[in-house]
Amino acid sequence: VTGALYVPGEVVVDPWLVPIAYARHAHENGASIRRGTEVTTASWMGGLLRRWALTLSSDAGREEAEARVVVACGGLRGDQLEGL
């Protein structure tokens, strides 16, 4: 070792395990995780409902859904999600 950096209070984590832990925690608290599903439209319904109205598309077909919280996991296609 030729050098090191010490920052009090900081830790090193496995970057691959962090999102898996987030997904597990969300699922254990009632979240529905939809892999292989594309969100084709998204609109915010304000007022008393305060929910997202979503149109989902997958190999199983097209589906309408509502959600209080939506986590965008578009990766390199995040700009397309932002456009919704």
N, C-alpha and C. Protein backbone atom coordinates (compact mmCIF):
# COMPACT_ATOMS: atom_id res chain seq x y z
N VAL A 1 0.85 -1.17 0.00
CA VAL A 1 0.00 0.00 0.00
C VAL A 1 0.90 1.23 0.00
N THR A 2 0.68 2.10 -0.97
CA THR A 2 1.49 3.32 -1.06
C THR A 2 0.80 4.53 -0.47
N GLY A 3 -0.48 4.41 -0.21
CA GLY A 3 -1.19 5.55 0.35
C GLY A 3 -2.59 5.14 0.79
N ALA A 4 -3.21 6.00 1.54
CA ALA A 4 -4.56 5.72 2.02
C ALA A 4 -5.26 7.03 2.33
N LEU A 5 -6.56 6.95 2.47
CA LEU A 5 -7.36 8.11 2.84
C LEU A 5 -8.22 7.72 4.03
N TYR A 6 -8.18 8.50 5.06
CA TYR A 6 -8.99 8.24 6.25
C TYR A 6 -9.95 9.40 6.45
N VAL A 7 -11.24 9.08 6.48
CA VAL A 7 -12.26 10.10 6.73
C VAL A 7 -13.10 9.59 7.90
N PRO A 8 -12.98 10.22 9.07
CA PRO A 8 -13.74 9.77 10.23
C PRO A 8 -15.25 9.73 9.94
N GLY A 9 -15.90 8.65 10.33
CA GLY A 9 -17.33 8.51 10.15
C GLY A 9 -17.76 7.95 8.81
N GLU A 10 -16.84 7.79 7.88
CA GLU A 10 -17.17 7.24 6.56
C GLU A 10 -16.92 5.73 6.56
N VAL A 11 -17.66 5.03 5.71
CA VAL A 11 -17.48 3.58 5.57
C VAL A 11 -17.40 3.22 4.09
N VAL A 12 -16.91 2.04 3.83
CA VAL A 12 -16.84 1.53 2.47
C VAL A 12 -17.92 0.47 2.33
N VAL A 13 -18.70 0.55 1.26
CA VAL A 13 -19.76 -0.42 1.03
C VAL A 13 -19.60 -1.04 -0.35
N ASP A 14 -20.20 -2.19 -0.52
CA ASP A 14 -20.23 -2.84 -1.82
C ASP A 14 -21.32 -2.15 -2.64
N PRO A 15 -20.96 -1.45 -3.73
CA PRO A 15 -21.97 -0.69 -4.48
C PRO A 15 -23.05 -1.55 -5.10
N TRP A 16 -22.82 -2.83 -5.27
CA TRP A 16 -23.84 -3.71 -5.85
C TRP A 16 -24.87 -4.13 -4.81
N LEU A 17 -24.48 -4.18 -3.55
CA LEU A 17 -25.40 -4.63 -2.51
C LEU A 17 -26.34 -3.54 -2.00
N VAL A 18 -25.96 -2.29 -2.14
CA VAL A 18 -26.80 -1.20 -1.63
C VAL A 18 -28.17 -1.19 -2.29
N PRO A 19 -28.29 -1.17 -3.64
CA PRO A 19 -29.64 -1.17 -4.22
C PRO A 19 -30.42 -2.45 -3.94
N ILE A 20 -29.72 -3.57 -3.80
CA ILE A 20 -30.41 -4.82 -3.45
C ILE A 20 -30.99 -4.71 -2.04
N ALA A 21 -30.24 -4.12 -1.13
CA ALA A 21 -30.75 -3.92 0.23
C ALA A 21 -31.94 -2.97 0.23
N TYR A 22 -31.87 -1.89 -0.56
CA TYR A 22 -33.01 -0.97 -0.67
C TYR A 22 -34.25 -1.71 -1.18
N ALA A 23 -34.08 -2.52 -2.22
CA ALA A 23 -35.22 -3.26 -2.79
C ALA A 23 -35.79 -4.24 -1.77
N ARG A 24 -34.93 -4.93 -1.08
CA ARG A 24 -35.41 -5.89 -0.07
C ARG A 24 -36.19 -5.18 1.03
N HIS A 25 -35.65 -4.08 1.50
CA HIS A 25 -36.32 -3.31 2.55
C HIS A 25 -37.68 -2.80 2.06
N ALA A 26 -37.73 -2.30 0.84
CA ALA A 26 -38.99 -1.81 0.28
C ALA A 26 -40.00 -2.94 0.18
N HIS A 27 -39.56 -4.09 -0.33
CA HIS A 27 -40.46 -5.24 -0.49
C HIS A 27 -40.99 -5.71 0.86
N GLU A 28 -40.11 -5.75 1.86
CA GLU A 28 -40.54 -6.17 3.20
C GLU A 28 -41.53 -5.20 3.82
N ASN A 29 -41.57 -3.98 3.30
CA ASN A 29 -42.51 -2.97 3.82
C ASN A 29 -43.68 -2.73 2.89
N GLY A 30 -43.95 -3.70 2.00
CA GLY A 30 -45.17 -3.67 1.19
C GLY A 30 -45.02 -3.17 -0.24
N ALA A 31 -43.81 -2.87 -0.69
CA ALA A 31 -43.64 -2.39 -2.06
C ALA A 31 -43.83 -3.52 -3.06
N SER A 32 -44.30 -3.16 -4.23
CA SER A 32 -44.40 -4.08 -5.35
C SER A 32 -43.26 -3.75 -6.31
N ILE A 33 -42.42 -4.73 -6.58
CA ILE A 33 -41.28 -4.53 -7.47
C ILE A 33 -41.59 -5.19 -8.80
N ARG A 34 -41.59 -4.39 -9.85
CA ARG A 34 -41.95 -4.87 -11.19
C ARG A 34 -40.72 -4.86 -12.08
N ARG A 35 -40.09 -5.98 -12.26
CA ARG A 35 -38.93 -6.07 -13.15
C ARG A 35 -39.41 -6.35 -14.56
N GLY A 36 -38.69 -5.86 -15.54
CA GLY A 36 -39.07 -6.10 -16.92
C GLY A 36 -40.35 -5.39 -17.33
N THR A 37 -40.67 -4.31 -16.64
CA THR A 37 -41.89 -3.56 -16.91
C THR A 37 -41.53 -2.14 -17.29
N GLU A 38 -42.11 -1.66 -18.37
CA GLU A 38 -41.85 -0.29 -18.83
C GLU A 38 -43.01 0.60 -18.42
N VAL A 39 -42.70 1.76 -17.86
CA VAL A 39 -43.71 2.77 -17.57
C VAL A 39 -43.84 3.62 -18.83
N THR A 40 -45.00 3.54 -19.48
CA THR A 40 -45.18 4.27 -20.74
C THR A 40 -45.79 5.65 -20.54
N THR A 41 -46.61 5.81 -19.49
CA THR A 41 -47.11 7.14 -19.12
C THR A 41 -47.15 7.24 -17.60
N ALA A 42 -46.93 8.45 -17.11
CA ALA A 42 -47.00 8.71 -15.68
C ALA A 42 -47.55 10.11 -15.48
N SER A 43 -48.56 10.24 -14.63
CA SER A 43 -49.10 11.56 -14.33
C SER A 43 -49.45 11.63 -12.85
N TRP A 44 -49.17 12.79 -12.27
CA TRP A 44 -49.42 13.02 -10.85
C TRP A 44 -50.86 13.46 -10.65
N MET A 45 -51.58 12.75 -9.79
CA MET A 45 -52.95 13.11 -9.44
C MET A 45 -52.90 13.80 -8.08
N GLY A 46 -52.99 15.11 -8.08
CA GLY A 46 -52.91 15.87 -6.84
C GLY A 46 -54.20 15.79 -6.06
N GLY A 47 -54.47 16.80 -5.30
CA GLY A 47 -55.70 16.83 -4.50
C GLY A 47 -55.64 15.85 -3.36
N LEU A 48 -56.78 15.26 -3.03
CA LEU A 48 -56.85 14.33 -1.91
C LEU A 48 -56.21 12.98 -2.24
N LEU A 49 -56.22 12.60 -3.51
CA LEU A 49 -55.68 11.28 -3.88
C LEU A 49 -54.16 11.22 -3.73
N ARG A 50 -53.48 12.24 -4.21
CA ARG A 50 -52.02 12.33 -4.13
C ARG A 50 -51.35 11.01 -4.52
N ARG A 51 -51.60 10.61 -5.75
CA ARG A 51 -51.03 9.37 -6.27
C ARG A 51 -50.56 9.56 -7.70
N TRP A 52 -49.74 8.64 -8.15
CA TRP A 52 -49.31 8.57 -9.53
C TRP A 52 -50.25 7.66 -10.29
N ALA A 53 -50.68 8.07 -11.46
CA ALA A 53 -51.42 7.22 -12.38
C ALA A 53 -50.41 6.75 -13.42
N LEU A 54 -50.27 5.43 -13.56
CA LEU A 54 -49.23 4.85 -14.42
C LEU A 54 -49.84 3.92 -15.46
N THR A 55 -49.25 3.92 -16.62
CA THR A 55 -49.55 2.90 -17.63
C THR A 55 -48.29 2.06 -17.75
N LEU A 56 -48.44 0.76 -17.53
CA LEU A 56 -47.31 -0.17 -17.53
C LEU A 56 -47.41 -1.10 -18.72
N SER A 57 -46.27 -1.46 -19.27
CA SER A 57 -46.23 -2.37 -20.40
C SER A 57 -45.17 -3.43 -20.14
N SER A 58 -45.54 -4.70 -20.35
CA SER A 58 -44.59 -5.80 -20.18
C SER A 58 -44.97 -6.91 -21.15
N ASP A 59 -44.26 -8.02 -21.08
CA ASP A 59 -44.59 -9.17 -21.93
C ASP A 59 -46.00 -9.69 -21.65
N ALA A 60 -46.50 -9.45 -20.44
CA ALA A 60 -47.84 -9.90 -20.06
C ALA A 60 -48.93 -8.99 -20.62
N GLY A 61 -48.56 -7.83 -21.15
CA GLY A 61 -49.54 -6.91 -21.70
C GLY A 61 -49.47 -5.54 -21.07
N ARG A 62 -50.54 -4.78 -21.28
CA ARG A 62 -50.63 -3.40 -20.79
C ARG A 62 -51.49 -3.37 -19.54
N GLU A 63 -51.15 -2.50 -18.61
CA GLU A 63 -51.86 -2.44 -17.33
C GLU A 63 -51.87 -1.01 -16.80
N GLU A 64 -52.97 -0.63 -16.19
CA GLU A 64 -53.08 0.67 -15.51
C GLU A 64 -52.83 0.42 -14.02
N ALA A 65 -52.11 1.32 -13.38
CA ALA A 65 -51.81 1.18 -11.96
C ALA A 65 -51.75 2.54 -11.31
N GLU A 66 -51.90 2.55 -9.98
CA GLU A 66 -51.75 3.76 -9.19
C GLU A 66 -50.75 3.48 -8.08
N ALA A 67 -49.99 4.51 -7.70
CA ALA A 67 -49.00 4.33 -6.65
C ALA A 67 -48.80 5.64 -5.90
N ARG A 68 -48.58 5.53 -4.60
CA ARG A 68 -48.25 6.71 -3.80
C ARG A 68 -46.81 7.12 -4.04
N VAL A 69 -45.94 6.14 -4.24
CA VAL A 69 -44.52 6.39 -4.43
C VAL A 69 -44.04 5.58 -5.63
N VAL A 70 -43.24 6.18 -6.47
CA VAL A 70 -42.63 5.50 -7.61
C VAL A 70 -41.13 5.73 -7.54
N VAL A 71 -40.37 4.65 -7.59
CA VAL A 71 -38.92 4.75 -7.60
C VAL A 71 -38.45 4.50 -9.02
N ALA A 72 -37.83 5.49 -9.62
CA ALA A 72 -37.36 5.38 -11.00
C ALA A 72 -36.01 4.67 -11.02
N CYS A 73 -35.97 3.53 -11.67
CA CYS A 73 -34.74 2.75 -11.78
C CYS A 73 -34.40 2.57 -13.25
N GLY A 74 -34.29 3.66 -13.96
CA GLY A 74 -34.07 3.61 -15.40
C GLY A 74 -32.62 3.45 -15.81
N GLY A 75 -31.71 3.60 -14.86
CA GLY A 75 -30.30 3.47 -15.21
C GLY A 75 -29.89 4.43 -16.31
N LEU A 76 -29.33 3.89 -17.37
CA LEU A 76 -28.88 4.72 -18.48
C LEU A 76 -30.03 5.36 -19.25
N ARG A 77 -31.25 4.89 -19.01
CA ARG A 77 -32.42 5.46 -19.67
C ARG A 77 -33.17 6.42 -18.75
N GLY A 78 -32.51 6.93 -17.74
CA GLY A 78 -33.12 7.86 -16.80
C GLY A 78 -33.66 9.11 -17.46
N ASP A 79 -33.01 9.56 -18.54
CA ASP A 79 -33.49 10.75 -19.23
C ASP A 79 -34.84 10.50 -19.86
N GLN A 80 -35.10 9.27 -20.31
CA GLN A 80 -36.42 8.95 -20.87
C GLN A 80 -37.48 8.96 -19.76
N LEU A 81 -37.14 8.48 -18.57
CA LEU A 81 -38.07 8.54 -17.46
C LEU A 81 -38.40 9.97 -17.08
N GLU A 82 -37.39 10.80 -17.09
CA GLU A 82 -37.60 12.20 -16.76
C GLU A 82 -38.57 12.86 -17.73
N GLY A 83 -38.58 12.40 -18.96
CA GLY A 83 -39.47 12.94 -19.98
C GLY A 83 -40.93 12.56 -19.79
N LEU A 84 -41.21 11.58 -18.94
CA LEU A 84 -42.61 11.19 -18.72
C LEU A 84 -43.30 12.27 -17.92
